[in-house]
C-alpha atoms as a PDB file:
ATOM      1  CA  MET A   1      93.210  95.037 121.443  1.00  0.00           C
ATOM      2  CA  THR A   2      89.928  96.830 120.911  1.00  0.00           C
ATOM      3  CA  LYS A   3      88.183  97.668 117.642  1.00  0.00           C
ATOM      4  CA  ASN A   4      89.693 101.175 117.728  1.00  0.00           C
ATOM      5  CA  ASP A   5      93.233  99.766 117.861  1.00  0.00           C
ATOM      6  CA  TYR A   6      93.133  98.647 114.204  1.00  0.00           C
ATOM      7  CA  ILE A   7      93.128 100.266 110.801  1.00  0.00           C
ATOM      8  CA  GLU A   8      91.757  98.558 107.714  1.00  0.00           C
ATOM      9  CA  ILE A   9      94.465  97.984 105.108  1.00  0.00           C
ATOM     10  CA  GLY A  10      92.698  95.679 102.655  1.00  0.00           C
ATOM     11  CA  LYS A  11      90.172  92.959 101.944  1.00  0.00           C
ATOM     12  CA  VAL A  12      90.598  89.277 101.115  1.00  0.00           C
ATOM     13  CA  VAL A  13      88.716  88.874  97.839  1.00  0.00           C
ATOM     14  CA  ASN A  14      89.666  85.293  96.963  1.00  0.00           C
ATOM     15  CA  THR A  15      92.294  82.602  97.135  1.00  0.00           C
ATOM     16  CA  PHE A  16      94.925  82.226  94.427  1.00  0.00           C
ATOM     17  CA  GLY A  17      96.225  78.904  93.169  1.00  0.00           C
ATOM     18  CA  ILE A  18      96.165  75.749  95.273  1.00  0.00           C
ATOM     19  CA  LYS A  19      99.015  76.547  97.660  1.00  0.00           C
ATOM     20  CA  GLY A  20      97.051  78.630 100.149  1.00  0.00           C
ATOM     21  CA  GLU A  21      97.669  82.135  98.859  1.00  0.00           C
ATOM     22  CA  LEU A  22      95.137  84.812  99.773  1.00  0.00           C
ATOM     23  CA  LYS A  23      94.320  87.448  97.152  1.00  0.00           C
ATOM     24  CA  ILE A  24      93.990  90.874  98.762  1.00  0.00           C
ATOM     25  CA  VAL A  25      92.842  94.204  97.395  1.00  0.00           C
ATOM     26  CA  SER A  26      94.988  96.599  99.401  1.00  0.00           C
ATOM     27  CA  GLU A  27      93.845  99.977 100.692  1.00  0.00           C
ATOM     28  CA  SER A  28      97.311 100.870 101.953  1.00  0.00           C
ATOM     29  CA  ASP A  29      99.863 103.098 100.285  1.00  0.00           C
ATOM     30  CA  PHE A  30     102.564 101.102 102.089  1.00  0.00           C
ATOM     31  CA  VAL A  31     102.079  97.571 100.740  1.00  0.00           C
ATOM     32  CA  ASP A  32     105.737  96.548 101.032  1.00  0.00           C
ATOM     33  CA  TYR A  33     105.681  97.581 104.684  1.00  0.00           C
ATOM     34  CA  ARG A  34     102.218  96.250 105.568  1.00  0.00           C
ATOM     35  CA  TYR A  35     102.583  92.800 103.970  1.00  0.00           C
ATOM     36  CA  ALA A  36     106.294  92.155 104.543  1.00  0.00           C
ATOM     37  CA  VAL A  37     107.272  88.576 105.380  1.00  0.00           C
ATOM     38  CA  GLY A  38     107.132  88.143 109.150  1.00  0.00           C
ATOM     39  CA  LYS A  39     104.694  91.033 109.618  1.00  0.00           C
ATOM     40  CA  THR A  40     101.685  90.497 111.879  1.00  0.00           C
ATOM     41  CA  ILE A  41      98.304  91.368 110.380  1.00  0.00           C
ATOM     42  CA  PHE A  42      94.762  90.666 111.511  1.00  0.00           C
ATOM     43  CA  LEU A  43      91.902  89.076 109.583  1.00  0.00           C
ATOM     44  CA  LYS A  44      88.400  90.141 110.613  1.00  0.00           C
ATOM     45  CA  LEU A  45      85.531  87.939 109.505  1.00  0.00           C
ATOM     46  CA  ARG A  46      82.144  88.720 111.000  1.00  0.00           C
ATOM     47  CA  ASN A  47      82.963  89.670 114.610  1.00  0.00           C
ATOM     48  CA  THR A  48      86.086  87.541 114.964  1.00  0.00           C
ATOM     49  CA  ILE A  49      89.589  88.942 114.605  1.00  0.00           C
ATOM     50  CA  LYS A  50      92.425  86.463 114.063  1.00  0.00           C
ATOM     51  CA  GLU A  51      96.070  87.441 114.391  1.00  0.00           C
ATOM     52  CA  VAL A  52      98.237  85.916 111.638  1.00  0.00           C
ATOM     53  CA  ARG A  53     101.812  86.257 110.427  1.00  0.00           C
ATOM     54  CA  VAL A  54     102.696  86.815 106.761  1.00  0.00           C
ATOM     55  CA  SER A  55     104.754  83.865 105.440  1.00  0.00           C
ATOM     56  CA  SER A  56     105.104  85.053 101.836  1.00  0.00           C
ATOM     57  CA  TYR A  57     104.196  88.171  99.911  1.00  0.00           C
ATOM     58  CA  ARG A  58     104.099  89.156  96.249  1.00  0.00           C
ATOM     59  CA  VAL A  59     102.199  91.462  93.931  1.00  0.00           C
ATOM     60  CA  HIS A  60     100.305  89.951  91.001  1.00  0.00           C
ATOM     61  CA  LYS A  61      98.285  92.054  88.531  1.00  0.00           C
ATOM     62  CA  GLY A  62      97.794  94.849  91.043  1.00  0.00           C
ATOM     63  CA  ASN A  63      96.664  92.592  93.882  1.00  0.00           C
ATOM     64  CA  ILE A  64      98.550  91.394  96.922  1.00  0.00           C
ATOM     65  CA  LEU A  65      99.115  87.647  97.278  1.00  0.00           C
ATOM     66  CA  ILE A  66     100.171  86.357 100.690  1.00  0.00           C
ATOM     67  CA  THR A  67     100.383  83.133 102.606  1.00  0.00           C
ATOM     68  CA  ILE A  68      99.853  83.202 106.353  1.00  0.00           C
ATOM     69  CA  ASP A  69     101.133  81.188 109.300  1.00  0.00           C
ATOM     70  CA  LYS A  70     102.979  78.851 106.906  1.00  0.00           C
ATOM     71  CA  ILE A  71      99.653  77.439 105.674  1.00  0.00           C
ATOM     72  CA  TYR A  72     100.109  76.263 102.093  1.00  0.00           C
ATOM     73  CA  ASP A  73      96.736  74.563 101.525  1.00  0.00           C
ATOM     74  CA  ILE A  74      93.844  76.282  99.763  1.00  0.00           C
ATOM     75  CA  ASN A  75      91.311  74.356 101.867  1.00  0.00           C
ATOM     76  CA  GLU A  76      92.644  75.900 105.072  1.00  0.00           C
ATOM     77  CA  VAL A  77      92.471  79.509 103.878  1.00  0.00           C
ATOM     78  CA  GLU A  78      89.185  79.575 101.940  1.00  0.00           C
ATOM     79  CA  LYS A  79      87.382  80.519 105.162  1.00  0.00           C
ATOM     80  CA  TYR A  80      89.108  83.930 105.042  1.00  0.00           C
ATOM     81  CA  ILE A  81      87.508  85.015 101.742  1.00  0.00           C
ATOM     82  CA  GLY A  82      85.651  88.248 102.488  1.00  0.00           C
ATOM     83  CA  ALA A  83      87.734  89.068 105.556  1.00  0.00           C
ATOM     84  CA  ASP A  84      88.868  92.609 106.243  1.00  0.00           C
ATOM     85  CA  VAL A  85      92.647  92.867 106.583  1.00  0.00           C
ATOM     86  CA  LEU A  86      93.629  94.981 109.575  1.00  0.00           C
ATOM     87  CA  ALA A  87      96.875  96.321 110.997  1.00  0.00           C
ATOM     88  CA  ASP A  88      97.801  97.602 114.422  1.00  0.00           C
ATOM     89  CA  LYS A  89      96.992 101.321 114.350  1.00  0.00           C
ATOM     90  CA  LEU A  90     100.275 102.108 116.100  1.00  0.00           C
ATOM     91  CA  ASP A  91     102.359 100.134 113.574  1.00  0.00           C
ATOM     92  CA  VAL A  92     102.899 102.816 110.961  1.00  0.00           C
ATOM     93  CA  PRO A  93     105.774 103.454 108.590  1.00  0.00           C
ATOM     94  CA  PRO A  94     107.611 106.751 109.000  1.00  0.00           C
ATOM     95  CA  LEU A  95     106.497 109.610 106.774  1.00  0.00           C
ATOM     96  CA  GLU A  96     108.460 112.267 104.929  1.00  0.00           C
ATOM     97  CA  ASP A  97     108.152 115.911 105.984  1.00  0.00           C
ATOM     98  CA  GLY A  98     104.819 117.311 104.841  1.00  0.00           C
ATOM     99  CA  GLU A  99     103.130 113.894 104.617  1.00  0.00           C
ATOM    100  CA  PHE A 100     100.182 112.988 106.827  1.00  0.00           C
ATOM    101  CA  TYR A 101      98.077 109.933 107.498  1.00  0.00           C
ATOM    102  CA  ILE A 102      94.362 110.190 106.717  1.00  0.00           C
ATOM    103  CA  ASP A 103      93.509 109.790 110.406  1.00  0.00           C
ATOM    104  CA  ASP A 104      95.700 112.833 111.125  1.00  0.00           C
ATOM    105  CA  VAL A 105      93.803 114.998 108.616  1.00  0.00           C
ATOM    106  CA  VAL A 106      90.229 113.994 109.524  1.00  0.00           C
ATOM    107  CA  GLY A 107      88.992 116.285 112.279  1.00  0.00           C
ATOM    108  CA  LEU A 108      91.309 119.198 111.476  1.00  0.00           C
ATOM    109  CA  ASP A 109      89.854 122.692 111.417  1.00  0.00           C
ATOM    110  CA  VAL A 110      89.802 124.169 107.911  1.00  0.00           C
ATOM    111  CA  TYR A 111      90.696 127.774 107.099  1.00  0.00           C
ATOM    112  CA  ASN A 112      90.490 129.712 103.850  1.00  0.00           C
ATOM    113  CA  GLU A 113      93.302 131.797 102.352  1.00  0.00           C
ATOM    114  CA  THR A 114      92.385 134.847 104.446  1.00  0.00           C
ATOM    115  CA  GLY A 115      92.647 132.920 107.727  1.00  0.00           C
ATOM    116  CA  GLU A 116      88.905 132.608 108.315  1.00  0.00           C
ATOM    117  CA  LYS A 117      87.750 129.307 109.818  1.00  0.00           C
ATOM    118  CA  ILE A 118      85.329 127.721 107.363  1.00  0.00           C
ATOM    119  CA  GLY A 119      84.767 124.204 108.693  1.00  0.00           C
ATOM    120  CA  LYS A 120      86.247 120.844 109.590  1.00  0.00           C
ATOM    121  CA  VAL A 121      87.636 117.892 107.601  1.00  0.00           C
ATOM    122  CA  VAL A 122      85.157 114.997 107.891  1.00  0.00           C
ATOM    123  CA  ASP A 123      86.643 112.524 105.409  1.00  0.00           C
ATOM    124  CA  VAL A 124      89.356 111.855 102.862  1.00  0.00           C
ATOM    125  CA  ILE A 125      88.066 110.055  99.778  1.00  0.00           C
ATOM    126  CA  LEU A 126      90.645 107.961  97.955  1.00  0.00           C
ATOM    127  CA  ILE A 127      90.193 107.878  94.191  1.00  0.00           C
ATOM    128  CA  PRO A 128      92.704 107.078  91.429  1.00  0.00           C
ATOM    129  CA  ALA A 129      92.875 110.532  89.789  1.00  0.00           C
ATOM    130  CA  ASN A 130      93.558 112.406  93.039  1.00  0.00           C
ATOM    131  CA  ASP A 131      92.185 112.131  96.531  1.00  0.00           C
ATOM    132  CA  LEU A 132      89.463 114.466  97.789  1.00  0.00           C
ATOM    133  CA  ILE A 133      89.086 116.117 101.177  1.00  0.00           C
ATOM    134  CA  GLU A 134      85.486 116.380 102.362  1.00  0.00           C
ATOM    135  CA  ILE A 135      84.884 119.482 104.438  1.00  0.00           C
ATOM    136  CA  GLU A 136      81.807 120.176 106.522  1.00  0.00           C
ATOM    137  CA  LEU A 137      81.413 123.925 106.293  1.00  0.00           C
ATOM    138  CA  LEU A 138      80.221 125.988 109.253  1.00  0.00           C
ATOM    139  CA  ASN A 139      76.819 126.364 107.549  1.00  0.00           C
ATOM    140  CA  GLY A 140      76.413 122.558 107.550  1.00  0.00           C
ATOM    141  CA  LYS A 141      76.987 122.087 103.823  1.00  0.00           C
ATOM    142  CA  LYS A 142      79.723 119.787 102.582  1.00  0.00           C
ATOM    143  CA  GLU A 143      82.379 120.599 100.019  1.00  0.00           C
ATOM    144  CA  LEU A 144      84.915 118.384  98.268  1.00  0.00           C
ATOM    145  CA  ILE A 145      88.388 119.801  97.675  1.00  0.00           C
ATOM    146  CA  PRO A 146      90.979 118.025  95.497  1.00  0.00           C
ATOM    147  CA  TYR A 147      93.946 116.911  97.603  1.00  0.00           C
ATOM    148  CA  VAL A 148      96.461 118.697  95.362  1.00  0.00           C
ATOM    149  CA  ASP A 149      98.836 121.607  95.980  1.00  0.00           C
ATOM    150  CA  GLU A 150      96.655 124.005  93.976  1.00  0.00           C
ATOM    151  CA  TYR A 151      93.878 123.738  96.606  1.00  0.00           C
ATOM    152  CA  ILE A 152      95.620 122.449  99.739  1.00  0.00           C
ATOM    153  CA  LEU A 153      97.854 125.350 100.684  1.00  0.00           C
ATOM    154  CA  GLU A 154      99.076 124.205 104.099  1.00  0.00           C
ATOM    155  CA  ILE A 155      98.604 121.340 106.522  1.00  0.00           C
ATOM    156  CA  THR A 156      99.859 121.446 110.093  1.00  0.00           C
ATOM    157  CA  GLU A 157      99.127 119.249 113.084  1.00  0.00           C
ATOM    158  CA  ASP A 158      96.113 121.384 114.020  1.00  0.00           C
ATOM    159  CA  LYS A 159      94.748 122.971 110.843  1.00  0.00           C
ATOM    160  CA  ILE A 160      94.498 122.874 107.075  1.00  0.00           C
ATOM    161  CA  VAL A 161      94.423 125.939 104.822  1.00  0.00           C
ATOM    162  CA  VAL A 162      92.575 125.550 101.516  1.00  0.00           C
ATOM    163  CA  ARG A 163      91.707 127.484  98.399  1.00  0.00           C
ATOM    164  CA  LEU A 164      88.015 126.914  97.770  1.00  0.00           C
ATOM    165  CA  LEU A 165      86.823 125.904  94.331  1.00  0.00           C
ATOM    166  CA  GLU A 166      85.390 128.696  92.223  1.00  0.00           C
ATOM    167  CA  VAL A 167      81.908 127.519  91.251  1.00  0.00           C
ATOM    168  CA  ASP A 168      79.661 129.364  88.829  1.00  0.00           C
ATOM    169  CA  HIS A 169      76.097 128.725  90.046  1.00  0.00           C
ATOM    170  CA  ASP A 170      74.408 130.322  87.002  1.00  0.00           C
END
């Protein structure tokens, strides 16, 4: 697999206890799917990617705790602290109608309510209150739009229609 075949789903921030659990801050909305027992994940530390299998999984105080490859010794897993947790890009859970993955939204052409093309989605910023879509406008400026129904009017496979924020520049 090449670097482009993975998506980052979390980061190993520490170990937990003495039985070899890794403490992960997850960046995935699908933690039960991504960290399920028996699931293959990848740990990237520096330029090395190691394929591992999840042996146990639980949530503790908002973090993910897993053991890997049936290793139950803290000394054997400490080397993974700081590792990025990756998943196979093609291994994705099914979505409901109207749901999209971030990678599907980035790169879409953006149109306003009147059907005029105004730019392209360059990023989706994940924040607790509500996510933001970063749009590079045709004039080169960037605009952030809340990823909520009030501003995101339609998303299809090839475009996104938005209501721009009303900003008083006085």
